[in-house]
C-alpha cells in the first residue's frame, strides 16, 4: 500500500493577484512601491522646477541692479525727490514685486499639491 498523501493546511483561497482590483495611488504611495515613488518624485520635481524658476528670476532681476550700478556710473548719481534712485528702486519697486512673486509662488505650489491630491483621490 502506498503512503497517504502529505497533508496541507489551507488558510485561504488562492487568488490571482492580477485579477484583483488595481491598487490605488494612495496604496501605491503608502506601500512605497515603484509607482508610488514615481508619483511622489513627479510632485517633487514639479515643485523643484517652480522653486528654481522663481529663484532664477529673482537672481536675474535683483542681481541686475548692482550690475547696472557698476556698469553705468551715471545711474548711481540719479536721485528722485532727494532720494538716491537706487533706494527708490529698492524701496518702492522691489518689495511690492517680491510680495507679488511670493503670492504667485504660493498659489502655484498649492495648485501643484491640489492637483497631486486630486490624482491621489481620483485613482
C-alpha atoms as a PDB file:
ATOM      1  CA  UNK A   1       0.000   0.000   0.000  1.00  0.00           C
ATOM      2  CA  UNK A   2       1.262   3.482  -0.834  1.00  0.00           C
ATOM      3  CA  UNK A   3       1.691   6.110   1.869  1.00  0.00           C
ATOM      4  CA  UNK A   4      -1.148   8.625   2.200  1.00  0.00           C
ATOM      5  CA  UNK A   5      -0.596  11.995   0.517  1.00  0.00           C
ATOM      6  CA  UNK A   6       1.014  14.667   2.634  1.00  0.00           C
ATOM      7  CA  UNK A   7      -1.489  16.857   4.433  1.00  0.00           C
ATOM      8  CA  UNK A   8      -1.677  20.522   3.568  1.00  0.00           C
ATOM      9  CA  UNK A   9      -3.214  23.199   5.769  1.00  0.00           C
ATOM     10  CA  UNK A  10      -5.451  25.570   3.816  1.00  0.00           C
ATOM     11  CA  UNK A  11      -5.531  29.035   5.327  1.00  0.00           C
ATOM     12  CA  UNK A  12      -7.114  30.989   2.500  1.00  0.00           C
ATOM     13  CA  UNK A  13      -8.205  30.544  -1.037  1.00  0.00           C
ATOM     14  CA  UNK A  14      -5.738  31.141  -3.779  1.00  0.00           C
ATOM     15  CA  UNK A  15      -6.409  34.278  -5.742  1.00  0.00           C
ATOM     16  CA  UNK A  16      -4.797  35.580  -8.816  1.00  0.00           C
ATOM     17  CA  UNK A  17      -3.395  38.915  -7.654  1.00  0.00           C
ATOM     18  CA  UNK A  18      -3.500  40.242 -11.199  1.00  0.00           C
ATOM     19  CA  UNK A  19      -7.271  39.848 -11.411  1.00  0.00           C
ATOM     20  CA  UNK A  20      -7.923  41.776  -8.190  1.00  0.00           C
ATOM     21  CA  UNK A  21      -8.791  45.445  -8.423  1.00  0.00           C
ATOM     22  CA  UNK A  22      -5.784  47.628  -9.230  1.00  0.00           C
ATOM     23  CA  UNK A  23      -4.149  49.346  -6.322  1.00  0.00           C
ATOM     24  CA  UNK A  24      -4.988  52.987  -5.798  1.00  0.00           C
ATOM     25  CA  UNK A  25      -2.395  55.720  -5.988  1.00  0.00           C
ATOM     26  CA  UNK A  26      -2.768  56.182  -2.240  1.00  0.00           C
ATOM     27  CA  UNK A  27      -1.941  52.481  -1.693  1.00  0.00           C
ATOM     28  CA  UNK A  28       0.993  52.731  -4.097  1.00  0.00           C
ATOM     29  CA  UNK A  29       2.419  55.689  -2.194  1.00  0.00           C
ATOM     30  CA  UNK A  30       1.762  54.196   1.230  1.00  0.00           C
ATOM     31  CA  UNK A  31       3.253  50.883   0.133  1.00  0.00           C
ATOM     32  CA  UNK A  32       6.350  52.674  -1.141  1.00  0.00           C
ATOM     33  CA  UNK A  33       6.147  50.886  -4.459  1.00  0.00           C
ATOM     34  CA  UNK A  34       7.968  51.981  -7.580  1.00  0.00           C
ATOM     35  CA  UNK A  35       4.834  53.555  -8.974  1.00  0.00           C
ATOM     36  CA  UNK A  36       4.178  55.407  -5.707  1.00  0.00           C
ATOM     37  CA  UNK A  37       7.759  56.649  -5.682  1.00  0.00           C
ATOM     38  CA  UNK A  38       7.281  57.835  -9.260  1.00  0.00           C
ATOM     39  CA  UNK A  39       4.179  59.827  -8.298  1.00  0.00           C
ATOM     40  CA  UNK A  40       5.925  61.449  -5.342  1.00  0.00           C
ATOM     41  CA  UNK A  41       9.102  62.202  -7.305  1.00  0.00           C
ATOM     42  CA  UNK A  42       6.950  63.764 -10.037  1.00  0.00           C
ATOM     43  CA  UNK A  43       5.410  66.133  -7.487  1.00  0.00           C
ATOM     44  CA  UNK A  44       8.822  66.935  -6.020  1.00  0.00           C
ATOM     45  CA  UNK A  45      10.265  67.562  -9.489  1.00  0.00           C
ATOM     46  CA  UNK A  46       7.442  69.983 -10.326  1.00  0.00           C
ATOM     47  CA  UNK A  47       7.946  71.793  -7.020  1.00  0.00           C
ATOM     48  CA  UNK A  48      11.697  71.986  -7.622  1.00  0.00           C
ATOM     49  CA  UNK A  49      11.186  73.407 -11.122  1.00  0.00           C
ATOM     50  CA  UNK A  50       8.852  76.047  -9.736  1.00  0.00           C
ATOM     51  CA  UNK A  51      11.300  76.959  -6.979  1.00  0.00           C
ATOM     52  CA  UNK A  52      14.303  77.125  -9.285  1.00  0.00           C
ATOM     53  CA  UNK A  53      12.361  79.266 -11.755  1.00  0.00           C
ATOM     54  CA  UNK A  54      11.407  81.772  -9.074  1.00  0.00           C
ATOM     55  CA  UNK A  55      14.943  81.839  -7.691  1.00  0.00           C
ATOM     56  CA  UNK A  56      16.422  82.336 -11.159  1.00  0.00           C
ATOM     57  CA  UNK A  57      14.026  85.196 -11.895  1.00  0.00           C
ATOM     58  CA  UNK A  58      14.830  86.791  -8.539  1.00  0.00           C
ATOM     59  CA  UNK A  59      18.561  86.467  -9.004  1.00  0.00           C
ATOM     60  CA  UNK A  60      18.404  87.868 -12.524  1.00  0.00           C
ATOM     61  CA  UNK A  61      16.344  90.888 -11.555  1.00  0.00           C
ATOM     62  CA  UNK A  62      17.846  91.686  -8.158  1.00  0.00           C
ATOM     63  CA  UNK A  63      21.318  90.696  -9.324  1.00  0.00           C
ATOM     64  CA  UNK A  64      20.990  93.019 -12.291  1.00  0.00           C
ATOM     65  CA  UNK A  65      20.622  96.086 -10.069  1.00  0.00           C
ATOM     66  CA  UNK A  66      24.189  96.088  -8.684  1.00  0.00           C
ATOM     67  CA  UNK A  67      25.448  95.194 -12.143  1.00  0.00           C
ATOM     68  CA  UNK A  68      23.644  98.178 -13.682  1.00  0.00           C
ATOM     69  CA  UNK A  69      25.016 100.499 -10.999  1.00  0.00           C
ATOM     70  CA  UNK A  70      28.538  99.137 -11.538  1.00  0.00           C
ATOM     71  CA  UNK A  71      28.476  99.267 -15.344  1.00  0.00           C
ATOM     72  CA  UNK A  72      26.607 102.574 -15.732  1.00  0.00           C
ATOM     73  CA  UNK A  73      28.114 105.004 -13.191  1.00  0.00           C
ATOM     74  CA  UNK A  74      25.791 107.940 -14.039  1.00  0.00           C
ATOM     75  CA  UNK A  75      22.851 105.894 -12.707  1.00  0.00           C
ATOM     76  CA  UNK A  76      24.433 105.969  -9.244  1.00  0.00           C
ATOM     77  CA  UNK A  77      24.160 109.725  -9.052  1.00  0.00           C
ATOM     78  CA  UNK A  78      20.495 109.925 -10.108  1.00  0.00           C
ATOM     79  CA  UNK A  79      18.020 110.979  -7.466  1.00  0.00           C
ATOM     80  CA  UNK A  80      14.286 111.438  -7.191  1.00  0.00           C
ATOM     81  CA  UNK A  81      12.840 113.806  -4.578  1.00  0.00           C
ATOM     82  CA  UNK A  82      16.252 113.979  -2.913  1.00  0.00           C
ATOM     83  CA  UNK A  83      16.393 110.195  -2.554  1.00  0.00           C
ATOM     84  CA  UNK A  84      19.012 108.213  -4.484  1.00  0.00           C
ATOM     85  CA  UNK A  85      17.330 106.279  -7.289  1.00  0.00           C
ATOM     86  CA  UNK A  86      18.872 103.035  -6.024  1.00  0.00           C
ATOM     87  CA  UNK A  87      16.994 103.404  -2.737  1.00  0.00           C
ATOM     88  CA  UNK A  88      13.799 104.354  -4.535  1.00  0.00           C
ATOM     89  CA  UNK A  89      14.027 101.284  -6.765  1.00  0.00           C
ATOM     90  CA  UNK A  90      14.754  99.003  -3.811  1.00  0.00           C
ATOM     91  CA  UNK A  91      12.137 100.524  -1.527  1.00  0.00           C
ATOM     92  CA  UNK A  92       9.329 101.276  -3.910  1.00  0.00           C
ATOM     93  CA  UNK A  93       9.636  98.807  -6.776  1.00  0.00           C
ATOM     94  CA  UNK A  94      11.374  95.705  -5.479  1.00  0.00           C
ATOM     95  CA  UNK A  95       9.360  94.977  -2.342  1.00  0.00           C
ATOM     96  CA  UNK A  96       5.928  95.044  -3.989  1.00  0.00           C
ATOM     97  CA  UNK A  97       7.276  92.862  -6.799  1.00  0.00           C
ATOM     98  CA  UNK A  98       8.692  90.403  -4.255  1.00  0.00           C
ATOM     99  CA  UNK A  99       5.323  90.264  -2.492  1.00  0.00           C
ATOM    100  CA  UNK A 100       3.527  89.612  -5.787  1.00  0.00           C
ATOM    101  CA  UNK A 101       6.015  86.924  -6.796  1.00  0.00           C
ATOM    102  CA  UNK A 102       5.694  85.313  -3.356  1.00  0.00           C
ATOM    103  CA  UNK A 103       1.888  85.241  -3.697  1.00  0.00           C
ATOM    104  CA  UNK A 104       2.178  83.756  -7.187  1.00  0.00           C
ATOM    105  CA  UNK A 105       4.687  81.159  -5.970  1.00  0.00           C
ATOM    106  CA  UNK A 106       2.477  80.154  -3.042  1.00  0.00           C
ATOM    107  CA  UNK A 107      -0.576  79.803  -5.254  1.00  0.00           C
ATOM    108  CA  UNK A 108       1.379  77.794  -7.822  1.00  0.00           C
ATOM    109  CA  UNK A 109       2.784  75.469  -5.158  1.00  0.00           C
ATOM    110  CA  UNK A 110      -0.685  74.999  -3.657  1.00  0.00           C
ATOM    111  CA  UNK A 111      -2.081  74.292  -7.141  1.00  0.00           C
ATOM    112  CA  UNK A 112       0.575  71.616  -7.708  1.00  0.00           C
ATOM    113  CA  UNK A 113      -0.278  69.985  -4.395  1.00  0.00           C
ATOM    114  CA  UNK A 114      -4.019  70.200  -5.105  1.00  0.00           C
ATOM    115  CA  UNK A 115      -3.523  68.534  -8.492  1.00  0.00           C
ATOM    116  CA  UNK A 116      -1.496  65.810  -6.805  1.00  0.00           C
ATOM    117  CA  UNK A 117      -4.190  65.340  -4.146  1.00  0.00           C
ATOM    118  CA  UNK A 118      -6.857  65.156  -6.860  1.00  0.00           C
ATOM    119  CA  UNK A 119      -4.834  62.481  -8.604  1.00  0.00           C
ATOM    120  CA  UNK A 120      -4.453  60.517  -5.392  1.00  0.00           C
ATOM    121  CA  UNK A 121      -8.172  60.740  -4.576  1.00  0.00           C
ATOM    122  CA  UNK A 122      -9.305  60.039  -8.137  1.00  0.00           C
ATOM    123  CA  UNK A 123      -7.402  56.793  -8.606  1.00  0.00           C
END
